[in-house]
Amino acid sequence: MTDEQRQMRETASRLARERYRPRAAEWDEQRASFPLEERRRLGALGMLGISLPERFGGTDLPLLDALIVIEELAKECRPAAFQVFEANTGPAQVVNLLGSEEQRERWLPAVIAGDATIAVAISEPDAGSGATDMTTSAVPHDGGYLVNGTKRWISNGGHADHYLVYARMSDVPGAKGIGAIVVDAGTPGFTYGIQEKLMGFRGIPSCDLIFDDVVVPAENVLVGPGRFRELFTGFSVERLGNATMSLAIGQAALDRTKEYVLEREQFGKPLIEFQSVQMTLADMILQVEAARLLLYRAAISAGTGLPDPLEVSLAKCTANEMAKRVSDLAMQLHGGNGYTEDYGIERLHRDAHGWALAGGTPSMQRTRIVAETLGRSFDQRR
């Protein structure tokens, strides 16, 4: 890391420890959404515009700088890290990379300041991993577009100010008919389902989005049909943010376990003196470091642009599965204490499973890894 990156990491780490660690368990227990004033605080600190353009209030730094901040916040409080994740690696970044200059000017300054958020809407009740099966439509209507359909598993659903909706915009079947349009909250005909009660991800709202003849102006079309590959390459940035959340969970589980096995005694000596504990801890370290290196490679090669899809899938799949394994091993080394809420290990483990499901499961990433390596696609429908 550069000196500037180290300083940024320390600033984010101190903020996470001092401000968000004391409240993280409470937000998890109450399933409370992240407060608006806290999001604006992150905006004032410059954390919501790290990898977004200076002309809109950001700092235009490489993607890696944003991931460094996301990791430090996510070690203590995933809802806080999610705000930085959504702004720098989520749909706001897709707007930055693929949108027009007018669209950037319209949406990015408020996101960078913490005054507004953008959520992405891809999955549907019958279109999850098979995203091209989506049926939500956005068809031309009186100079604008008429949106109909239902989206599911929408992080920040019901709380975001704008939604980047992937929709079928032409009669061409498969991926070629899909584009993306931004729908503003409060638009007539746009409603929400009930808030979901998830195993993890607490403090990050999620619900269905329901579109019933929603009229959206033409200037809200981000990407028209026929550019689906660009859209999903843009979504690769979000997958790097996702992998960083998993990395943070694994690192936090490892850090807490190192402290615990040094202090906890059994049979008259610290746990770390037992060789079986040493072997388990070594496996945890190996897995965390492997995930970090894959993630950093993908982020560094991306710079301030789009990452390599193969490198992203390698990093996401590795980090997602690492977080599940390492948090589980942490729970085992903590014994009964790991199964309580007091040590925070069970919360890490619950969240680890959520991030593995979001943004494309490890199984789907494996398919993408083979497809990208061989330079061909696979039709899962035949």
Protein backbone atom coordinates (compact mmCIF):
# COMPACT_ATOMS: atom_id res chain seq x y z
CA MET A 1 0.00 0.00 0.00
CA THR A 2 0.99 3.61 -0.48
CA ASP A 3 1.31 5.91 2.54
CA GLU A 4 -1.99 7.49 1.55
CA GLN A 5 -3.72 4.11 1.44
CA ARG A 6 -2.32 3.17 4.85
CA GLN A 7 -3.58 6.44 6.29
CA MET A 8 -7.00 5.87 4.72
CA ARG A 9 -7.10 2.36 6.19
CA GLU A 10 -6.25 3.62 9.67
CA THR A 11 -8.89 6.36 9.47
CA ALA A 12 -11.56 3.85 8.44
CA SER A 13 -10.42 1.34 11.08
CA ARG A 14 -10.56 3.94 13.85
CA LEU A 15 -14.03 5.08 12.75
CA ALA A 16 -15.24 1.47 12.70
CA ARG A 17 -13.84 0.66 16.15
CA GLU A 18 -14.86 3.84 17.91
CA ARG A 19 -18.18 4.72 16.27
CA TYR A 20 -19.72 1.61 14.75
CA ARG A 21 -18.48 -1.34 16.81
CA PRO A 22 -20.55 -0.24 19.87
CA ARG A 23 -23.75 -0.06 17.78
CA ALA A 24 -23.31 -2.94 15.34
CA ALA A 25 -24.79 -5.64 17.58
CA GLU A 26 -27.78 -3.42 18.41
CA TRP A 27 -28.51 -2.72 14.73
CA ASP A 28 -28.24 -6.45 14.02
CA GLU A 29 -30.60 -7.39 16.84
CA GLN A 30 -33.17 -4.75 15.94
CA ARG A 31 -32.75 -5.24 12.16
CA ALA A 32 -32.48 -1.46 12.04
CA SER A 33 -31.54 0.33 8.83
CA PHE A 34 -28.42 2.49 8.82
CA PRO A 35 -29.29 6.03 9.99
CA LEU A 36 -29.38 8.80 7.39
CA GLU A 37 -27.22 11.08 9.56
CA GLU A 38 -24.53 8.40 9.71
CA ARG A 39 -24.58 7.99 5.94
CA ARG A 40 -24.13 11.73 5.57
CA ARG A 41 -21.24 11.53 8.01
CA LEU A 42 -19.55 9.00 5.71
CA GLY A 43 -20.22 11.37 2.83
CA ALA A 44 -18.65 14.30 4.70
CA LEU A 45 -15.59 12.14 5.38
CA GLY A 46 -15.25 11.53 1.64
CA MET A 47 -15.85 7.79 1.89
CA LEU A 48 -18.82 7.67 -0.49
CA GLY A 49 -16.92 9.14 -3.42
CA ILE A 50 -13.51 7.50 -3.17
CA SER A 51 -13.62 5.95 -6.65
CA LEU A 52 -16.06 8.43 -8.21
CA PRO A 53 -15.09 11.55 -10.23
CA GLU A 54 -13.78 14.69 -8.58
CA ARG A 55 -16.08 16.92 -10.63
CA PHE A 56 -19.07 15.45 -8.75
CA GLY A 57 -17.48 15.65 -5.30
CA GLY A 58 -15.49 12.40 -5.32
CA THR A 59 -11.74 11.82 -5.25
CA ASP A 60 -11.34 9.65 -8.38
CA LEU A 61 -8.98 7.20 -6.66
CA PRO A 62 -8.37 3.61 -7.80
CA LEU A 63 -10.93 0.98 -6.90
CA LEU A 64 -8.51 -0.60 -4.45
CA ASP A 65 -8.68 2.48 -2.22
CA ALA A 66 -12.43 2.07 -1.84
CA LEU A 67 -12.04 -1.65 -1.09
CA ILE A 68 -9.55 -0.87 1.67
CA VAL A 69 -12.11 1.35 3.39
CA ILE A 70 -14.94 -1.15 2.86
CA GLU A 71 -12.90 -3.91 4.51
CA GLU A 72 -12.05 -1.89 7.61
CA LEU A 73 -15.66 -0.81 8.16
CA ALA A 74 -17.02 -4.29 7.43
CA LYS A 75 -14.80 -5.92 10.06
CA GLU A 76 -16.93 -4.19 12.68
CA CYS A 77 -20.20 -3.18 11.02
CA ARG A 78 -21.47 -4.47 7.69
CA PRO A 79 -24.34 -1.92 7.46
CA ALA A 80 -21.82 0.93 7.63
CA ALA A 81 -19.55 -0.72 5.07
CA PHE A 82 -22.55 -1.30 2.81
CA GLN A 83 -22.96 2.46 2.33
CA VAL A 84 -19.42 2.75 0.98
CA PHE A 85 -19.89 -0.47 -1.00
CA GLU A 86 -23.07 0.77 -2.76
CA ALA A 87 -21.59 4.17 -3.62
CA ASN A 88 -18.15 3.08 -4.83
CA THR A 89 -18.65 -0.43 -6.19
CA GLY A 90 -22.42 -0.73 -6.58
CA PRO A 91 -24.98 0.79 -8.96
CA ALA A 92 -23.62 4.33 -8.54
CA GLN A 93 -20.36 3.09 -10.02
CA VAL A 94 -22.28 1.49 -12.91
CA VAL A 95 -23.88 4.90 -13.55
CA ASN A 96 -20.40 6.41 -13.52
CA LEU A 97 -18.94 3.84 -15.91
CA LEU A 98 -21.83 3.40 -18.35
CA GLY A 99 -24.11 6.42 -17.95
CA SER A 100 -24.15 9.69 -19.87
CA GLU A 101 -22.55 12.84 -18.54
CA GLU A 102 -26.02 14.27 -17.84
CA GLN A 103 -26.95 11.18 -15.82
CA ARG A 104 -23.73 11.37 -13.82
CA GLU A 105 -24.39 15.03 -13.05
CA ARG A 106 -27.97 14.24 -12.05
CA TRP A 107 -27.35 11.34 -9.66
CA LEU A 108 -23.75 11.12 -8.45
CA PRO A 109 -23.32 14.34 -6.40
CA ALA A 110 -26.16 13.40 -4.02
CA VAL A 111 -24.80 9.87 -3.65
CA ILE A 112 -21.29 11.13 -2.87
CA ALA A 113 -22.67 13.56 -0.27
CA GLY A 114 -24.74 10.84 1.40
CA ASP A 115 -28.03 12.54 0.55
CA ALA A 116 -29.26 9.78 -1.79
CA THR A 117 -28.66 6.12 -2.56
CA ILE A 118 -29.04 3.93 -5.64
CA ALA A 119 -29.93 0.22 -5.37
CA VAL A 120 -29.58 -2.36 -8.11
CA ALA A 121 -32.51 -4.60 -9.10
CA ILE A 122 -31.66 -7.70 -11.13
CA SER A 123 -33.11 -10.88 -9.55
CA GLU A 124 -36.77 -11.86 -9.85
CA PRO A 125 -38.96 -14.55 -8.27
CA ASP A 126 -38.20 -16.86 -11.21
CA ALA A 127 -34.87 -15.40 -12.33
CA GLY A 128 -32.03 -15.61 -9.85
CA SER A 129 -28.80 -17.17 -11.10
CA GLY A 130 -30.48 -17.41 -14.51
CA ALA A 131 -30.74 -13.63 -14.79
CA THR A 132 -31.56 -13.68 -18.50
CA ASP A 133 -34.86 -15.37 -17.66
CA MET A 134 -36.10 -12.04 -16.27
CA THR A 135 -39.54 -10.91 -17.41
CA THR A 136 -39.72 -7.40 -15.93
CA SER A 137 -40.23 -5.14 -18.93
CA ALA A 138 -39.55 -1.53 -19.84
CA VAL A 139 -41.27 -0.73 -23.14
CA PRO A 140 -41.55 2.58 -25.02
CA HIS A 141 -44.62 4.61 -24.00
CA ASP A 142 -45.53 8.22 -24.86
CA GLY A 143 -41.91 9.29 -25.25
CA GLY A 144 -40.85 7.46 -22.10
CA TYR A 145 -40.99 3.88 -20.84
CA LEU A 146 -43.63 1.77 -19.11
CA VAL A 147 -42.15 -0.60 -16.50
CA ASN A 148 -43.96 -3.73 -15.28
CA GLY A 149 -42.81 -6.68 -13.21
CA THR A 150 -41.40 -7.75 -9.84
CA LYS A 151 -37.82 -7.76 -8.54
CA ARG A 152 -36.66 -9.84 -5.56
CA TRP A 153 -33.72 -9.89 -3.11
CA ILE A 154 -33.13 -6.17 -3.51
CA SER A 155 -30.60 -4.93 -0.95
CA ASN A 156 -31.67 -1.52 0.38
CA GLY A 157 -35.10 -2.21 -1.11
CA GLY A 158 -37.70 0.18 0.26
CA HIS A 159 -35.04 2.61 1.48
CA ALA A 160 -33.09 3.65 -1.64
CA ASP A 161 -33.91 6.85 -3.51
CA HIS A 162 -33.29 5.41 -6.99
CA TYR A 163 -33.25 1.88 -8.41
CA LEU A 164 -31.14 0.69 -11.33
CA VAL A 165 -33.60 -1.81 -12.80
CA TYR A 166 -32.45 -4.45 -15.28
CA ALA A 167 -35.41 -5.05 -17.59
CA ARG A 168 -36.42 -6.56 -20.89
CA MET A 169 -36.56 -3.62 -23.31
CA SER A 170 -37.17 -5.39 -26.61
CA ASP A 171 -38.72 -8.59 -27.96
CA VAL A 172 -35.32 -10.08 -28.72
CA PRO A 173 -35.02 -13.21 -26.55
CA GLY A 174 -32.23 -13.87 -24.05
CA ALA A 175 -29.60 -11.38 -22.99
CA LYS A 176 -29.79 -9.22 -26.12
CA GLY A 177 -33.19 -7.82 -25.16
CA ILE A 178 -32.10 -6.63 -21.70
CA GLY A 179 -31.14 -3.10 -20.73
CA ALA A 180 -31.21 -0.97 -17.58
CA ILE A 181 -33.35 1.97 -16.53
CA VAL A 182 -33.35 4.07 -13.34
CA VAL A 183 -36.68 4.25 -11.50
CA ASP A 184 -37.07 6.85 -8.77
CA ALA A 185 -38.67 5.97 -5.44
CA GLY A 186 -42.15 7.42 -5.14
CA THR A 187 -42.98 7.09 -8.85
CA PRO A 188 -46.71 6.24 -9.20
CA GLY A 189 -47.28 2.50 -9.56
CA PHE A 190 -43.96 1.61 -7.89
CA THR A 191 -44.51 -0.18 -4.55
CA TYR A 192 -42.64 -2.53 -2.22
CA GLY A 193 -43.19 -5.96 -0.68
CA ILE A 194 -42.75 -6.65 3.02
CA GLN A 195 -39.28 -6.31 4.50
CA GLU A 196 -37.57 -9.71 4.52
CA LYS A 197 -36.25 -11.27 7.73
CA LEU A 198 -32.94 -12.74 6.70
CA MET A 199 -30.55 -14.98 8.61
CA GLY A 200 -27.84 -12.35 8.22
CA PHE A 201 -27.56 -9.02 6.39
CA ARG A 202 -29.42 -7.41 9.27
CA GLY A 203 -29.25 -3.63 9.11
CA ILE A 204 -29.27 -3.89 5.30
CA PRO A 205 -32.96 -3.77 4.25
CA SER A 206 -34.28 -6.13 1.58
CA CYS A 207 -37.67 -6.45 -0.10
CA ASP A 208 -39.48 -7.02 -3.39
CA LEU A 209 -39.94 -4.17 -5.84
CA ILE A 210 -43.31 -4.16 -7.63
CA PHE A 211 -43.84 -2.20 -10.86
CA ASP A 212 -47.38 -1.76 -12.11
CA ASP A 213 -47.50 0.45 -15.22
CA VAL A 214 -44.74 2.71 -13.89
CA VAL A 215 -44.02 5.57 -16.30
CA VAL A 216 -40.33 6.50 -16.45
CA PRO A 217 -38.81 9.26 -18.61
CA ALA A 218 -36.58 8.25 -21.51
CA GLU A 219 -33.62 10.13 -20.04
CA ASN A 220 -33.55 7.54 -17.23
CA VAL A 221 -32.44 4.75 -19.59
CA LEU A 222 -28.87 3.98 -18.59
CA VAL A 223 -28.16 1.21 -21.09
CA GLY A 224 -30.45 0.11 -23.91
CA PRO A 225 -30.98 -3.45 -25.14
CA GLY A 226 -28.05 -5.20 -26.79
CA ARG A 227 -25.46 -4.09 -24.23
CA PHE A 228 -26.07 -6.77 -21.62
CA ARG A 229 -22.41 -7.82 -21.58
CA GLU A 230 -21.38 -4.26 -20.70
CA LEU A 231 -23.93 -4.22 -17.91
CA PHE A 232 -22.62 -7.40 -16.38
CA THR A 233 -19.02 -6.33 -16.80
CA GLY A 234 -20.03 -3.21 -14.86
CA PHE A 235 -21.63 -5.48 -12.28
CA SER A 236 -18.20 -7.12 -11.85
CA VAL A 237 -17.17 -4.05 -9.87
CA GLU A 238 -19.97 -4.82 -7.41
CA ARG A 239 -18.70 -8.38 -7.13
CA LEU A 240 -15.32 -7.05 -6.03
CA GLY A 241 -17.10 -5.05 -3.34
CA ASN A 242 -18.95 -8.21 -2.36
CA ALA A 243 -15.68 -10.16 -2.16
CA THR A 244 -14.28 -7.43 0.09
CA MET A 245 -17.19 -7.82 2.51
CA SER A 246 -16.39 -11.55 2.67
CA LEU A 247 -12.69 -10.82 3.13
CA ALA A 248 -13.51 -8.52 6.04
CA ILE A 249 -15.64 -11.20 7.69
CA GLY A 250 -12.84 -13.75 7.36
CA GLN A 251 -10.21 -11.33 8.64
CA ALA A 252 -12.36 -10.29 11.60
CA ALA A 253 -13.03 -13.93 12.51
CA LEU A 254 -9.30 -14.65 12.27
CA ASP A 255 -8.32 -11.60 14.36
CA ARG A 256 -10.78 -12.46 17.13
CA THR A 257 -9.68 -16.09 17.12
CA LYS A 258 -5.99 -15.21 17.43
CA GLU A 259 -6.75 -13.15 20.52
CA TYR A 260 -8.96 -15.86 21.99
CA VAL A 261 -6.58 -18.82 21.61
CA LEU A 262 -3.76 -16.80 23.18
CA GLU A 263 -5.84 -15.92 26.24
CA ARG A 264 -8.18 -18.90 26.73
CA GLU A 265 -6.76 -21.75 28.83
CA GLN A 266 -7.72 -25.41 28.96
CA PHE A 267 -5.96 -28.23 30.78
CA GLY A 268 -3.68 -25.66 32.38
CA LYS A 269 -2.28 -23.99 29.25
CA PRO A 270 -3.39 -21.56 26.50
CA LEU A 271 -5.30 -23.08 23.60
CA ILE A 272 -2.58 -22.01 21.17
CA GLU A 273 -0.23 -24.57 22.75
CA PHE A 274 -2.29 -27.43 21.31
CA GLN A 275 -1.07 -28.56 17.89
CA SER A 276 -4.61 -29.14 16.59
CA VAL A 277 -5.40 -25.49 17.32
CA GLN A 278 -2.23 -24.41 15.52
CA MET A 279 -3.19 -26.43 12.44
CA THR A 280 -6.69 -24.93 12.40
CA LEU A 281 -5.38 -21.40 12.83
CA ALA A 282 -2.86 -21.96 10.03
CA ASP A 283 -5.67 -23.04 7.70
CA MET A 284 -7.60 -19.88 8.57
CA ILE A 285 -4.57 -17.68 7.83
CA LEU A 286 -3.89 -19.45 4.53
CA GLN A 287 -7.45 -19.02 3.33
CA VAL A 288 -7.70 -15.35 4.30
CA GLU A 289 -4.40 -14.46 2.64
CA ALA A 290 -5.25 -16.37 -0.56
CA ALA A 291 -8.55 -14.51 -0.85
CA ARG A 292 -6.86 -11.17 -0.21
CA LEU A 293 -4.26 -11.70 -2.93
CA LEU A 294 -6.85 -12.68 -5.54
CA LEU A 295 -8.99 -9.69 -4.63
CA TYR A 296 -6.10 -7.23 -4.73
CA ARG A 297 -4.92 -8.59 -8.09
CA ALA A 298 -8.34 -7.98 -9.62
CA ALA A 299 -8.65 -4.51 -8.07
CA ILE A 300 -5.17 -3.37 -9.04
CA SER A 301 -5.56 -4.51 -12.64
CA ALA A 302 -8.89 -2.65 -12.81
CA GLY A 303 -7.37 0.63 -11.62
CA THR A 304 -10.13 3.20 -12.13
CA GLY A 305 -11.91 1.21 -14.83
CA LEU A 306 -13.60 -2.14 -15.32
CA PRO A 307 -12.02 -5.30 -13.85
CA ASP A 308 -11.26 -8.53 -15.66
CA PRO A 309 -14.32 -10.83 -15.27
CA LEU A 310 -12.19 -13.94 -14.73
CA GLU A 311 -10.14 -12.30 -12.00
CA VAL A 312 -13.36 -11.09 -10.35
CA SER A 313 -14.96 -14.55 -10.35
CA LEU A 314 -11.80 -16.11 -8.92
CA ALA A 315 -11.69 -13.51 -6.15
CA LYS A 316 -15.40 -13.61 -5.32
CA CYS A 317 -15.71 -17.40 -5.26
CA THR A 318 -12.60 -17.76 -3.10
CA ALA A 319 -13.51 -14.97 -0.69
CA ASN A 320 -17.15 -16.05 -0.30
CA GLU A 321 -16.27 -19.63 0.56
CA MET A 322 -13.33 -18.55 2.71
CA ALA A 323 -15.59 -16.37 4.87
CA LYS A 324 -17.98 -19.25 5.50
CA ARG A 325 -15.19 -21.69 6.36
CA VAL A 326 -13.08 -19.33 8.45
CA SER A 327 -16.02 -18.00 10.48
CA ASP A 328 -17.09 -21.61 11.09
CA LEU A 329 -13.59 -22.58 12.25
CA ALA A 330 -13.55 -19.48 14.47
CA MET A 331 -16.76 -20.66 16.08
CA GLN A 332 -15.24 -24.09 16.69
CA LEU A 333 -12.10 -22.68 18.32
CA HIS A 334 -14.23 -20.43 20.51
CA GLY A 335 -16.19 -23.47 21.65
CA GLY A 336 -19.47 -22.68 23.41
CA ASN A 337 -18.50 -19.01 23.57
CA GLY A 338 -18.51 -18.87 19.78
CA TYR A 339 -22.13 -19.96 19.72
CA THR A 340 -23.21 -17.02 21.89
CA GLU A 341 -23.91 -13.51 20.65
CA ASP A 342 -21.38 -12.05 23.09
CA TYR A 343 -18.31 -12.71 20.94
CA GLY A 344 -19.82 -11.70 17.59
CA ILE A 345 -18.63 -14.86 15.83
CA GLU A 346 -22.12 -16.16 15.09
CA ARG A 347 -22.99 -12.80 13.50
CA LEU A 348 -19.95 -13.03 11.27
CA HIS A 349 -20.96 -16.56 10.25
CA ARG A 350 -24.54 -15.52 9.46
CA ASP A 351 -23.36 -12.62 7.32
CA ALA A 352 -20.80 -14.79 5.54
CA HIS A 353 -23.55 -16.93 4.05
CA GLY A 354 -25.46 -13.87 2.88
CA TRP A 355 -22.55 -12.38 0.96
CA ALA A 356 -21.87 -15.74 -0.69
CA LEU A 357 -25.42 -15.78 -2.04
CA ALA A 358 -25.48 -12.15 -3.16
CA GLY A 359 -24.16 -11.07 -6.54
CA GLY A 360 -23.79 -14.56 -7.99
CA THR A 361 -23.26 -17.71 -5.92
CA PRO A 362 -19.93 -19.59 -5.77
CA SER A 363 -21.47 -22.27 -7.99
CA MET A 364 -22.25 -19.70 -10.67
CA GLN A 365 -18.81 -18.15 -10.29
CA ARG A 366 -17.27 -21.56 -10.97
CA THR A 367 -19.23 -21.76 -14.21
CA ARG A 368 -18.02 -18.27 -15.13
CA ILE A 369 -14.43 -19.22 -14.28
CA VAL A 370 -14.52 -22.11 -16.75
CA ALA A 371 -16.35 -20.05 -19.39
CA GLU A 372 -13.87 -17.17 -19.17
CA THR A 373 -10.87 -19.51 -19.14
CA LEU A 374 -12.04 -21.44 -22.19
CA GLY A 375 -13.45 -18.43 -23.99
CA ARG A 376 -16.90 -19.92 -24.49
CA SER A 377 -20.34 -19.86 -22.88
CA PHE A 378 -22.48 -22.70 -21.55
CA ASP A 379 -26.23 -22.99 -22.08
CA GLN A 380 -27.62 -24.23 -18.78
CA ARG A 381 -31.10 -24.59 -20.29
CA ARG A 382 -30.29 -27.52 -22.59
